[in-house]
Amino acid sequence: MLLLAAITVAHAMNEITPHTAFEDLVTVSEGTIPTRHLGAALGSSGSPSQNGEREMRANDFLQELASVRRPVVLTGLGINGKNYDLERLESWTMDNVRWSKGGEKTVFAIRTPKSGEEGRDGVLRTEGWHDVSPTTRVLTPEADGSNMLHGVEMKRFVESDGGGEGGLMYWTADLWSTSGDLVRRVESWWRDFIVRDDIGMDDVPEEVHVPMVWLSHRGVTAQTHYDKSHNYFVQLYGEKKIKLFAPSYGRFMYSYPSLHAGRKQSMIGMRDYLDLAKFPNSTDLVAYEVTLKAGEALYIPPYWWHYISTGEDSAAMSVSVVSPSWEEAWLAKAMHHPMPLGMLQDSKVGRKLGIQAVLVQVISRLESLGSPEIFSNWVYNDRWANLYPDLAPKLGGECFVGAEASEAAAIMKKTEENEDLMRGLIDAAKEVAGIVGDDMVLQGIRTTFMADYIESLAAWAVGGDGEEVGRFIVDCLRVENAEVEYNGKPVMVEGDVLGGGGGEL
């Protein structure tokens, strides 16, 4: 029986040497969570006339597992009355994918350096900045995109197995872009793994549920990351070793900013040497670990961090059935909530004043985040400090300096009697805080979302320059807490925070 074992990072600092990889500091504990055998759960018998009922029960069972939002390993997928038959598919996959009809279809692959090549280890990472709009910059996988291979044939991927100029590769496509034979074999069962959350739509189109095929050469690793969606991860061929971290551990993950192409990905390399100077809180991480074999599946809940490594014995193939989650849809309402900035949006200083006021109000209403100052400092230290090491000496000043300070004072004077503007901003902040603070949103997910929210609004306010965003996060949100209720007469308050800081709103 396959067990999903709890693991924790070793805390004994005397075990850490300059050449100790972070992955090697992870130890297996005695705690385990059970594996579920799908055939046993549904019953292994059934006549053909019962097939329809059994199919419905399979999806109901998988839906129920997903409702708990805990990882689960599934075995026994080749049950009677269902056409999973993954053992037969395993023997077919790598032998036939080279020649099967449709195997020449092309999509893209991500090329990673071979193990040992220039100190790299086959880990998929993202680096470098590039412009995506006049006001926003994000980081991408290498500025020239050289690690992206477009038009890679599935059979070419399988045959190369990491050899030749292509190096190690991670190949992905939706199911319908792959081999016709693979489509026919997976088409009969992948919908059983759909999770149907309430995402605020009466008729959810089937295309929002996507079966993705993943091929990886032996030893290739996907860096620790999270997804907002449900993920039933079905292993078809080979093995994958997976570490899973609950959303609450996101605060120790040192994730890239949401403006970065590595967004939703940790900066900590599991195969890298542990750098406690850069990642001092990483020793607080606790995870679950599982080795997923062909014919087994793993449920990965929304916002759970996961690190996936392909076994060293062979390449691997997986199908990942992705479904939108309630958390993703619910929090999108907050992310896209309109902000009635009025005249404030006409200038950069006005935008900074307005966004500063909104963020101070939102964070102050979310008691679990501490205060605007406490939370913004965590966002900077976790996501920005390692990317901008030269920025730290410049922080700790006022939000507006020089000419900006004079302009900010003039704008604040103009808006002092504008009750409609102030009331609109405070009401919008209250609505956003109500969505994010909903009891159904786990604290770990709330923390991650609010970090993204701060970065998104800050980038819009200052124009997207990375250093300016970092300065805004620290210097413009350095407020203990705003008074979060007003008595019908919004007023300007002391300090340089519009509608925030002390005083009565």
Protein backbone atom coordinates (compact mmCIF):
# COMPACT_ATOMS: atom_id res chain seq x y z
CA MET A 1 0.00 0.00 0.00
CA LEU A 2 1.26 3.47 -0.89
CA LEU A 3 1.33 5.86 2.01
CA LEU A 4 1.43 9.65 1.93
CA ALA A 5 3.90 10.28 4.70
CA ALA A 6 4.30 13.52 6.61
CA ILE A 7 7.79 15.00 6.47
CA THR A 8 9.39 17.93 8.23
CA VAL A 9 12.57 19.90 7.70
CA ALA A 10 15.41 19.06 10.07
CA HIS A 11 15.95 21.95 12.48
CA ALA A 12 19.36 20.93 13.81
CA MET A 13 21.59 23.65 12.40
CA ASN A 14 24.68 21.55 13.06
CA GLU A 15 23.47 19.22 10.29
CA ILE A 16 23.72 22.00 7.71
CA THR A 17 26.96 22.45 5.80
CA PRO A 18 27.72 24.80 2.89
CA HIS A 19 27.14 21.84 0.57
CA THR A 20 23.85 20.59 2.05
CA ALA A 21 20.93 20.63 -0.38
CA PHE A 22 17.63 21.76 1.10
CA GLU A 23 16.00 18.53 -0.12
CA ASP A 24 18.43 16.50 1.97
CA LEU A 25 17.34 18.26 5.16
CA VAL A 26 13.81 16.89 4.83
CA THR A 27 13.16 13.88 7.05
CA VAL A 28 10.24 11.44 7.01
CA SER A 29 8.17 11.39 10.19
CA GLU A 30 6.01 8.58 11.49
CA GLY A 31 2.74 10.35 10.66
CA THR A 32 0.82 9.11 7.62
CA ILE A 33 -2.53 9.66 5.99
CA PRO A 34 -4.37 6.74 4.35
CA THR A 35 -4.50 5.83 0.69
CA ARG A 36 -7.96 5.32 -0.81
CA HIS A 37 -8.57 2.34 -3.08
CA LEU A 38 -11.13 3.48 -5.63
CA GLY A 39 -12.30 -0.01 -6.54
CA ALA A 40 -12.86 -0.94 -2.89
CA ALA A 41 -14.68 2.32 -2.21
CA LEU A 42 -17.15 1.80 -5.08
CA GLY A 43 -17.40 -1.99 -5.02
CA SER A 44 -15.61 -4.20 -7.53
CA SER A 45 -18.59 -5.92 -9.11
CA GLY A 46 -21.27 -4.70 -11.45
CA SER A 47 -23.06 -5.79 -14.58
CA PRO A 48 -22.92 -3.73 -17.79
CA SER A 49 -26.39 -2.37 -17.01
CA GLN A 50 -24.94 -0.76 -13.89
CA ASN A 51 -22.10 1.01 -15.65
CA GLY A 52 -23.86 4.36 -15.87
CA GLU A 53 -24.64 4.32 -12.16
CA ARG A 54 -21.06 3.32 -11.33
CA GLU A 55 -19.65 6.14 -13.43
CA MET A 56 -21.83 8.64 -11.58
CA ARG A 57 -20.78 7.19 -8.25
CA ALA A 58 -17.10 7.43 -9.18
CA ASN A 59 -17.38 11.15 -9.88
CA ASP A 60 -19.47 11.68 -6.74
CA PHE A 61 -16.84 9.89 -4.67
CA LEU A 62 -14.00 11.95 -6.16
CA GLN A 63 -16.03 15.13 -5.70
CA GLU A 64 -16.52 14.28 -2.03
CA LEU A 65 -12.79 13.72 -1.56
CA ALA A 66 -12.07 17.12 -3.10
CA SER A 67 -14.57 18.85 -0.81
CA VAL A 68 -12.32 18.08 2.17
CA ARG A 69 -9.42 20.00 0.57
CA ARG A 70 -6.82 17.46 1.71
CA PRO A 71 -4.39 15.49 -0.50
CA VAL A 72 -5.44 11.91 -1.21
CA VAL A 73 -3.64 9.09 -3.04
CA LEU A 74 -5.91 6.87 -5.15
CA THR A 75 -5.11 3.31 -6.14
CA GLY A 76 -7.22 0.62 -7.82
CA LEU A 77 -8.13 2.77 -10.81
CA GLY A 78 -8.58 -0.22 -13.13
CA ILE A 79 -11.91 -1.22 -11.55
CA ASN A 80 -14.54 -3.40 -13.21
CA GLY A 81 -17.26 -1.44 -14.96
CA LYS A 82 -14.88 1.45 -15.63
CA ASN A 83 -12.48 1.75 -18.51
CA TYR A 84 -9.53 3.25 -16.64
CA ASP A 85 -7.34 0.19 -17.31
CA LEU A 86 -4.21 2.17 -16.48
CA GLU A 87 -1.97 -0.89 -16.28
CA ARG A 88 -2.67 -1.67 -19.93
CA LEU A 89 -2.20 1.99 -20.83
CA GLU A 90 1.18 1.99 -19.09
CA SER A 91 2.48 -0.83 -21.27
CA TRP A 92 1.19 0.95 -24.35
CA THR A 93 2.26 4.51 -23.73
CA MET A 94 5.98 4.73 -24.31
CA ASP A 95 6.14 1.80 -26.76
CA ASN A 96 3.47 3.19 -29.04
CA VAL A 97 3.54 6.95 -28.65
CA ARG A 98 6.49 7.17 -31.08
CA TRP A 99 4.45 5.69 -33.90
CA SER A 100 0.80 6.16 -33.03
CA LYS A 101 -1.32 8.14 -35.40
CA GLY A 102 -1.18 11.78 -34.40
CA GLY A 103 2.13 11.38 -32.59
CA GLU A 104 3.64 14.00 -34.88
CA LYS A 105 1.48 16.79 -33.43
CA THR A 106 3.54 19.68 -32.16
CA VAL A 107 3.16 21.91 -29.13
CA PHE A 108 6.00 23.17 -26.95
CA ALA A 109 8.50 21.88 -24.45
CA ILE A 110 10.56 23.58 -21.78
CA ARG A 111 14.24 22.78 -22.01
CA THR A 112 16.21 22.57 -18.77
CA PRO A 113 19.98 22.06 -18.37
CA LYS A 114 21.16 18.53 -17.76
CA SER A 115 22.14 17.46 -14.30
CA GLY A 116 25.64 18.65 -13.56
CA GLU A 117 25.75 20.97 -16.57
CA GLU A 118 27.14 24.32 -15.44
CA GLY A 119 26.02 23.55 -11.93
CA ARG A 120 22.40 23.16 -12.96
CA ASP A 121 20.32 20.17 -12.04
CA GLY A 122 17.41 19.78 -14.44
CA VAL A 123 15.15 21.99 -12.31
CA LEU A 124 12.64 24.13 -14.15
CA ARG A 125 13.04 27.73 -12.99
CA THR A 126 12.16 31.18 -14.27
CA GLU A 127 14.49 34.18 -14.44
CA GLY A 128 14.78 37.61 -16.11
CA TRP A 129 12.52 40.64 -16.67
CA HIS A 130 10.52 41.63 -19.71
CA ASP A 131 7.85 44.20 -20.52
CA VAL A 132 4.28 43.02 -20.99
CA SER A 133 2.56 46.41 -21.07
CA PRO A 134 3.51 50.09 -20.86
CA THR A 135 2.96 49.99 -17.11
CA THR A 136 3.87 46.47 -16.01
CA ARG A 137 6.99 44.35 -16.14
CA VAL A 138 7.22 40.69 -15.22
CA LEU A 139 10.01 38.19 -15.00
CA THR A 140 10.22 35.42 -17.59
CA PRO A 141 12.15 32.19 -18.16
CA GLU A 142 15.38 33.74 -19.43
CA ALA A 143 15.14 36.98 -21.35
CA ASP A 144 15.69 35.47 -24.80
CA GLY A 145 13.27 32.61 -24.24
CA SER A 146 16.00 30.12 -25.18
CA ASN A 147 14.67 27.46 -22.86
CA MET A 148 11.35 27.29 -24.72
CA LEU A 149 11.22 24.84 -27.63
CA HIS A 150 8.23 25.36 -29.90
CA GLY A 151 6.91 22.72 -32.27
CA VAL A 152 8.36 19.70 -30.45
CA GLU A 153 6.92 16.40 -31.66
CA MET A 154 5.78 13.98 -28.98
CA LYS A 155 7.75 11.16 -30.57
CA ARG A 156 10.86 13.36 -30.73
CA PHE A 157 10.51 14.06 -27.02
CA VAL A 158 10.22 10.39 -26.12
CA GLU A 159 13.10 9.32 -28.34
CA SER A 160 15.52 11.98 -27.09
CA ASP A 161 15.16 11.04 -23.39
CA GLY A 162 17.32 14.00 -22.42
CA GLY A 163 20.05 13.35 -24.94
CA GLY A 164 21.29 15.57 -27.73
CA GLU A 165 21.18 19.34 -27.98
CA GLY A 166 17.69 19.62 -26.55
CA GLY A 167 18.80 18.60 -23.07
CA LEU A 168 16.25 17.58 -20.47
CA MET A 169 12.72 18.59 -21.30
CA TYR A 170 9.32 19.05 -19.69
CA TRP A 171 6.65 18.72 -22.40
CA THR A 172 3.02 19.72 -21.95
CA ALA A 173 -0.16 20.08 -23.97
CA ASP A 174 -3.86 19.66 -23.54
CA LEU A 175 -5.04 16.12 -24.24
CA TRP A 176 -6.44 16.93 -27.68
CA SER A 177 -3.06 18.19 -28.92
CA THR A 178 -1.45 14.80 -28.30
CA SER A 179 -1.52 11.41 -29.97
CA GLY A 180 -4.90 10.32 -31.31
CA ASP A 181 -4.50 6.94 -29.63
CA LEU A 182 -3.81 8.57 -26.28
CA VAL A 183 -6.88 10.78 -26.69
CA ARG A 184 -9.10 7.76 -27.31
CA ARG A 185 -7.80 5.88 -24.29
CA VAL A 186 -8.00 8.81 -21.83
CA GLU A 187 -11.22 10.27 -23.23
CA SER A 188 -13.27 7.49 -21.65
CA TRP A 189 -12.38 8.32 -18.04
CA TRP A 190 -10.82 11.75 -17.50
CA ARG A 191 -14.19 13.44 -16.81
CA ASP A 192 -14.62 11.29 -13.69
CA PHE A 193 -11.88 13.47 -12.17
CA ILE A 194 -13.65 16.78 -12.78
CA VAL A 195 -14.40 18.76 -9.60
CA ARG A 196 -17.52 20.88 -9.93
CA ASP A 197 -17.29 23.76 -7.46
CA ASP A 198 -19.78 26.61 -7.24
CA ILE A 199 -17.88 29.26 -9.21
CA GLY A 200 -20.80 31.63 -9.66
CA MET A 201 -21.97 30.34 -13.06
CA ASP A 202 -25.27 28.61 -13.75
CA ASP A 203 -23.94 26.70 -16.75
CA VAL A 204 -20.24 25.96 -16.44
CA PRO A 205 -18.79 25.17 -19.90
CA GLU A 206 -16.90 21.91 -20.06
CA GLU A 207 -13.83 23.61 -21.54
CA VAL A 208 -13.00 25.14 -18.14
CA HIS A 209 -12.11 21.60 -17.03
CA VAL A 210 -8.86 20.76 -18.79
CA PRO A 211 -6.98 17.42 -19.04
CA MET A 212 -3.30 18.32 -19.44
CA VAL A 213 -0.70 15.75 -20.55
CA TRP A 214 2.77 16.05 -19.01
CA LEU A 215 5.88 14.28 -20.30
CA SER A 216 9.18 14.66 -18.47
CA HIS A 217 12.62 13.20 -18.96
CA ARG A 218 14.15 11.24 -16.11
CA GLY A 219 15.31 13.39 -13.22
CA VAL A 220 13.53 16.55 -14.35
CA THR A 221 12.03 18.55 -11.50
CA ALA A 222 9.30 21.21 -11.39
CA GLN A 223 10.14 23.85 -8.80
CA THR A 224 7.85 24.16 -5.76
CA HIS A 225 4.70 26.04 -6.78
CA TYR A 226 0.96 26.20 -6.19
CA ASP A 227 -2.11 26.33 -8.43
CA LYS A 228 -5.44 27.94 -7.66
CA SER A 229 -7.37 25.07 -9.23
CA HIS A 230 -8.26 21.52 -8.22
CA ASN A 231 -5.84 18.98 -9.65
CA TYR A 232 -6.38 15.24 -9.96
CA PHE A 233 -2.92 14.09 -11.04
CA VAL A 234 -3.04 10.66 -12.73
CA GLN A 235 0.26 8.87 -13.31
CA LEU A 236 0.29 6.87 -16.57
CA TYR A 237 3.94 5.89 -16.92
CA GLY A 238 7.05 6.03 -14.74
CA GLU A 239 7.21 7.48 -11.23
CA LYS A 240 7.10 10.92 -9.69
CA LYS A 241 8.15 11.99 -6.22
CA ILE A 242 5.94 14.76 -4.88
CA LYS A 243 6.23 16.97 -1.81
CA LEU A 244 3.09 18.82 -0.72
CA PHE A 245 2.87 21.83 1.59
CA ALA A 246 -0.41 23.16 3.02
CA PRO A 247 -1.42 26.75 2.11
CA SER A 248 -0.53 27.88 5.64
CA TYR A 249 3.14 27.27 4.85
CA GLY A 250 3.06 29.79 2.03
CA ARG A 251 4.38 32.38 4.48
CA PHE A 252 7.68 30.46 4.62
CA MET A 253 7.94 29.76 0.87
CA TYR A 254 9.61 32.98 -0.33
CA SER A 255 7.47 33.03 -3.44
CA TYR A 256 8.22 35.25 -6.39
CA PRO A 257 6.07 38.39 -6.67
CA SER A 258 2.83 38.14 -8.61
CA LEU A 259 4.42 40.44 -11.26
CA HIS A 260 7.08 37.82 -11.94
CA ALA A 261 6.87 35.03 -14.51
CA GLY A 262 7.76 32.75 -11.59
CA ARG A 263 4.61 33.87 -9.78
CA LYS A 264 3.08 31.10 -7.67
CA GLN A 265 6.56 29.55 -7.50
CA SER A 266 8.98 29.41 -4.56
CA MET A 267 12.46 30.90 -4.82
CA ILE A 268 13.78 28.07 -2.64
CA GLY A 269 15.43 25.39 -4.74
CA MET A 270 14.91 21.97 -3.19
CA ARG A 271 18.11 20.79 -4.88
CA ASP A 272 20.01 23.98 -4.09
CA TYR A 273 22.25 24.46 -1.10
CA LEU A 274 20.15 25.86 1.74
CA ASP A 275 20.96 29.56 2.14
CA LEU A 276 19.72 30.56 5.57
CA ALA A 277 20.78 34.16 4.99
CA LYS A 278 18.31 34.40 2.09
CA PHE A 279 15.63 32.04 3.39
CA PRO A 280 15.81 32.06 7.21
CA ASN A 281 12.21 30.89 7.72
CA SER A 282 12.48 27.93 5.34
CA THR A 283 13.36 25.62 8.23
CA ASP A 284 9.77 26.00 9.47
CA LEU A 285 8.34 24.22 6.42
CA VAL A 286 6.45 20.96 6.94
CA ALA A 287 5.30 18.80 4.04
CA TYR A 288 3.82 15.50 2.94
CA GLU A 289 5.72 13.26 0.56
CA VAL A 290 4.50 10.59 -1.85
CA THR A 291 6.02 8.52 -4.63
CA LEU A 292 3.31 8.21 -7.26
CA LYS A 293 3.49 5.10 -9.45
CA ALA A 294 1.87 4.31 -12.78
CA GLY A 295 -1.82 3.51 -12.31
CA GLU A 296 -2.20 5.75 -9.26
CA ALA A 297 -3.58 9.26 -8.82
CA LEU A 298 -3.04 12.12 -6.38
CA TYR A 299 -5.54 14.83 -5.52
CA ILE A 300 -3.79 18.21 -5.04
CA PRO A 301 -6.16 20.77 -3.45
CA PRO A 302 -6.24 24.45 -4.46
CA TYR A 303 -3.36 26.57 -3.19
CA TRP A 304 -1.38 23.56 -1.93
CA TRP A 305 2.29 23.99 -2.76
CA HIS A 306 3.88 21.01 -4.54
CA TYR A 307 7.32 20.01 -5.73
CA ILE A 308 7.41 17.28 -8.38
CA SER A 309 10.46 15.27 -9.41
CA THR A 310 10.54 12.58 -12.11
CA GLY A 311 12.18 9.29 -11.17
CA GLU A 312 15.69 8.50 -12.33
CA ASP A 313 14.83 5.17 -14.01
CA SER A 314 12.72 6.41 -16.92
CA ALA A 315 10.77 9.26 -18.42
CA ALA A 316 7.27 9.81 -17.08
CA MET A 317 3.82 10.61 -18.42
CA SER A 318 0.92 12.04 -16.42
CA VAL A 319 -2.54 13.44 -17.04
CA SER A 320 -3.56 16.33 -14.84
CA VAL A 321 -7.31 17.03 -14.73
CA VAL A 322 -7.63 20.69 -13.71
CA SER A 323 -10.90 22.25 -12.52
CA PRO A 324 -11.54 25.83 -11.36
CA SER A 325 -11.99 26.17 -7.60
CA TRP A 326 -14.44 28.13 -5.51
CA GLU A 327 -11.48 29.91 -3.87
CA GLU A 328 -10.17 31.12 -7.23
CA ALA A 329 -13.58 32.39 -8.40
CA TRP A 330 -14.50 33.96 -5.05
CA LEU A 331 -11.24 35.88 -4.63
CA ALA A 332 -11.34 37.06 -8.24
CA LYS A 333 -14.33 39.18 -7.16
CA ALA A 334 -12.03 41.03 -4.78
CA MET A 335 -9.11 41.28 -7.22
CA HIS A 336 -11.31 42.86 -9.89
CA HIS A 337 -13.52 44.96 -7.63
CA PRO A 338 -13.74 48.49 -9.12
CA MET A 339 -12.14 51.35 -7.18
CA PRO A 340 -13.89 54.73 -7.51
CA LEU A 341 -10.72 56.83 -7.59
CA GLY A 342 -12.27 59.71 -9.49
CA MET A 343 -9.86 62.63 -9.86
CA LEU A 344 -7.11 60.65 -8.09
CA GLN A 345 -6.44 58.51 -11.13
CA ASP A 346 -5.38 61.52 -13.21
CA SER A 347 -1.81 61.53 -11.90
CA LYS A 348 0.75 59.12 -10.47
CA VAL A 349 0.74 60.86 -7.10
CA GLY A 350 -3.06 60.78 -7.04
CA ARG A 351 -3.06 57.06 -7.85
CA LYS A 352 -0.56 56.41 -5.08
CA LEU A 353 -2.71 58.33 -2.60
CA GLY A 354 -5.86 56.47 -3.61
CA ILE A 355 -4.33 52.99 -3.63
CA GLN A 356 -2.54 53.71 -0.36
CA ALA A 357 -5.88 54.64 1.24
CA VAL A 358 -7.63 51.55 -0.13
CA LEU A 359 -4.91 49.12 0.93
CA VAL A 360 -4.59 50.58 4.42
CA GLN A 361 -8.35 50.28 4.85
CA VAL A 362 -8.54 46.70 3.49
CA ILE A 363 -5.63 45.37 5.55
CA SER A 364 -6.87 47.13 8.71
CA ARG A 365 -10.18 45.28 8.36
CA LEU A 366 -8.44 41.88 8.16
CA GLU A 367 -7.33 41.40 11.74
CA SER A 368 -5.48 38.16 10.99
CA LEU A 369 -2.94 40.08 8.86
CA GLY A 370 -1.76 42.16 11.81
CA SER A 371 -1.56 45.72 10.51
CA PRO A 372 -0.65 47.39 7.20
CA GLU A 373 2.91 47.89 8.45
CA ILE A 374 3.34 44.32 9.72
CA PHE A 375 1.85 42.71 6.63
CA SER A 376 3.58 44.92 4.06
CA ASN A 377 6.94 44.26 5.73
CA TRP A 378 6.32 40.51 5.44
CA VAL A 379 5.40 40.88 1.75
CA TYR A 380 8.63 42.78 1.10
CA ASN A 381 10.89 40.45 3.09
CA ASP A 382 9.32 37.28 1.66
CA ARG A 383 8.96 38.28 -2.00
CA TRP A 384 11.08 41.31 -2.81
CA ALA A 385 14.17 41.52 -0.58
CA ASN A 386 16.06 38.73 -2.39
CA LEU A 387 15.25 40.20 -5.81
CA TYR A 388 16.30 43.74 -4.84
CA PRO A 389 19.15 43.47 -2.33
CA ASP A 390 20.27 47.05 -3.07
CA LEU A 391 16.86 48.49 -2.24
CA ALA A 392 16.96 47.92 1.53
CA PRO A 393 19.13 50.99 2.38
CA LYS A 394 16.66 53.22 0.51
CA LEU A 395 13.64 52.08 2.52
CA GLY A 396 12.18 53.53 5.70
CA GLY A 397 11.45 57.02 4.41
CA GLU A 398 8.23 58.82 3.59
CA CYS A 399 5.86 57.63 0.89
CA PHE A 400 6.05 61.01 -0.87
CA VAL A 401 9.31 62.96 -1.06
CA GLY A 402 10.48 66.04 -2.92
CA ALA A 403 8.10 67.31 -5.58
CA GLU A 404 5.76 64.38 -4.95
CA ALA A 405 5.27 65.55 -1.35
CA SER A 406 4.13 69.00 -2.47
CA GLU A 407 1.80 67.52 -5.09
CA ALA A 408 0.38 65.04 -2.57
CA ALA A 409 -0.36 67.86 -0.10
CA ALA A 410 -2.17 69.84 -2.80
CA ILE A 411 -4.26 66.82 -3.86
CA MET A 412 -5.17 66.01 -0.27
CA LYS A 413 -6.30 69.59 0.27
CA LYS A 414 -8.55 69.40 -2.81
CA THR A 415 -10.14 66.15 -1.67
CA GLU A 416 -10.56 67.20 1.95
CA GLU A 417 -14.19 68.18 1.45
CA ASN A 418 -14.97 65.56 -1.19
CA GLU A 419 -17.12 63.29 0.93
CA ASP A 420 -18.37 61.25 -2.02
CA LEU A 421 -14.83 60.32 -3.06
CA MET A 422 -13.79 59.32 0.44
CA ARG A 423 -16.99 57.43 1.11
CA GLY A 424 -16.66 55.56 -2.20
CA LEU A 425 -13.08 54.48 -1.45
CA ILE A 426 -13.90 53.33 2.07
CA ASP A 427 -17.01 51.44 0.93
CA ALA A 428 -15.02 49.70 -1.81
CA ALA A 429 -12.32 48.73 0.69
CA LYS A 430 -14.98 47.40 3.05
CA GLU A 431 -16.48 45.23 0.31
CA VAL A 432 -13.08 43.84 -0.70
CA ALA A 433 -12.21 43.06 2.92
CA GLY A 434 -15.56 41.31 3.31
CA ILE A 435 -14.81 39.00 0.39
CA VAL A 436 -11.24 38.22 1.45
CA GLY A 437 -12.20 37.84 5.11
CA ASP A 438 -14.95 35.29 4.42
CA ASP A 439 -14.76 32.41 6.89
CA MET A 440 -14.57 29.91 4.02
CA VAL A 441 -11.23 31.36 2.89
CA LEU A 442 -8.37 29.62 4.71
CA GLN A 443 -5.89 31.94 6.39
CA GLY A 444 -2.99 30.65 4.28
CA ILE A 445 -4.93 31.37 1.09
CA ARG A 446 -5.99 34.79 2.41
CA THR A 447 -2.35 35.69 3.10
CA THR A 448 -1.20 34.66 -0.36
CA PHE A 449 -4.05 36.47 -2.08
CA MET A 450 -3.51 39.70 -0.17
CA ALA A 451 0.17 39.74 -1.08
CA ASP A 452 -0.84 39.42 -4.74
CA TYR A 453 -3.50 42.11 -4.30
CA ILE A 454 -1.06 44.60 -2.78
CA GLU A 455 1.45 44.02 -5.59
CA SER A 456 -1.17 44.34 -8.31
CA LEU A 457 -2.56 47.64 -7.05
CA ALA A 458 0.89 49.02 -6.22
CA ALA A 459 2.17 48.23 -9.72
CA TRP A 460 -0.82 50.03 -11.24
CA ALA A 461 -0.28 53.04 -9.00
CA VAL A 462 3.45 53.56 -9.60
CA GLY A 463 3.68 52.30 -13.19
CA GLY A 464 5.11 48.82 -12.75
CA ASP A 465 8.82 49.46 -12.10
CA GLY A 466 9.99 46.74 -9.74
CA GLU A 467 12.01 48.94 -7.40
CA GLU A 468 9.22 51.49 -7.14
CA VAL A 469 6.71 48.76 -6.33
CA GLY A 470 8.96 47.52 -3.54
CA ARG A 471 9.33 51.02 -2.11
CA PHE A 472 5.58 51.62 -2.23
CA ILE A 473 4.88 48.36 -0.38
CA VAL A 474 7.20 49.30 2.49
CA ASP A 475 7.09 53.09 2.72
CA CYS A 476 3.48 53.80 1.72
CA LEU A 477 1.89 51.12 3.89
CA ARG A 478 3.93 51.85 7.03
CA VAL A 479 0.80 52.48 9.07
CA GLU A 480 -0.23 50.73 12.27
CA ASN A 481 -3.94 50.60 11.46
CA ALA A 482 -6.70 52.81 10.10
CA GLU A 483 -9.92 53.55 11.92
CA VAL A 484 -12.13 51.31 9.84
CA GLU A 485 -15.54 52.82 10.52
CA TYR A 486 -16.78 56.31 9.78
CA ASN A 487 -19.69 58.28 11.20
CA GLY A 488 -21.10 59.62 7.97
CA LYS A 489 -18.55 62.40 7.61
CA PRO A 490 -15.30 61.11 6.07
CA VAL A 491 -12.43 63.54 6.76
CA MET A 492 -8.73 63.80 6.01
CA VAL A 493 -6.55 62.52 8.84
CA GLU A 494 -3.14 63.31 10.22
CA GLY A 495 -0.04 62.09 8.40
CA ASP A 496 0.30 61.44 4.66
CA VAL A 497 -2.32 58.70 4.40
CA LEU A 498 -5.52 59.63 2.60
CA GLY A 499 -8.39 58.21 4.65
CA GLY A 500 -6.08 56.18 6.90
CA GLY A 501 -3.88 56.42 9.99
CA GLY A 502 -5.39 57.78 13.16
CA GLY A 503 -8.49 59.90 13.54
CA GLU A 504 -12.15 59.29 12.91
CA LEU A 505 -13.39 58.35 9.44
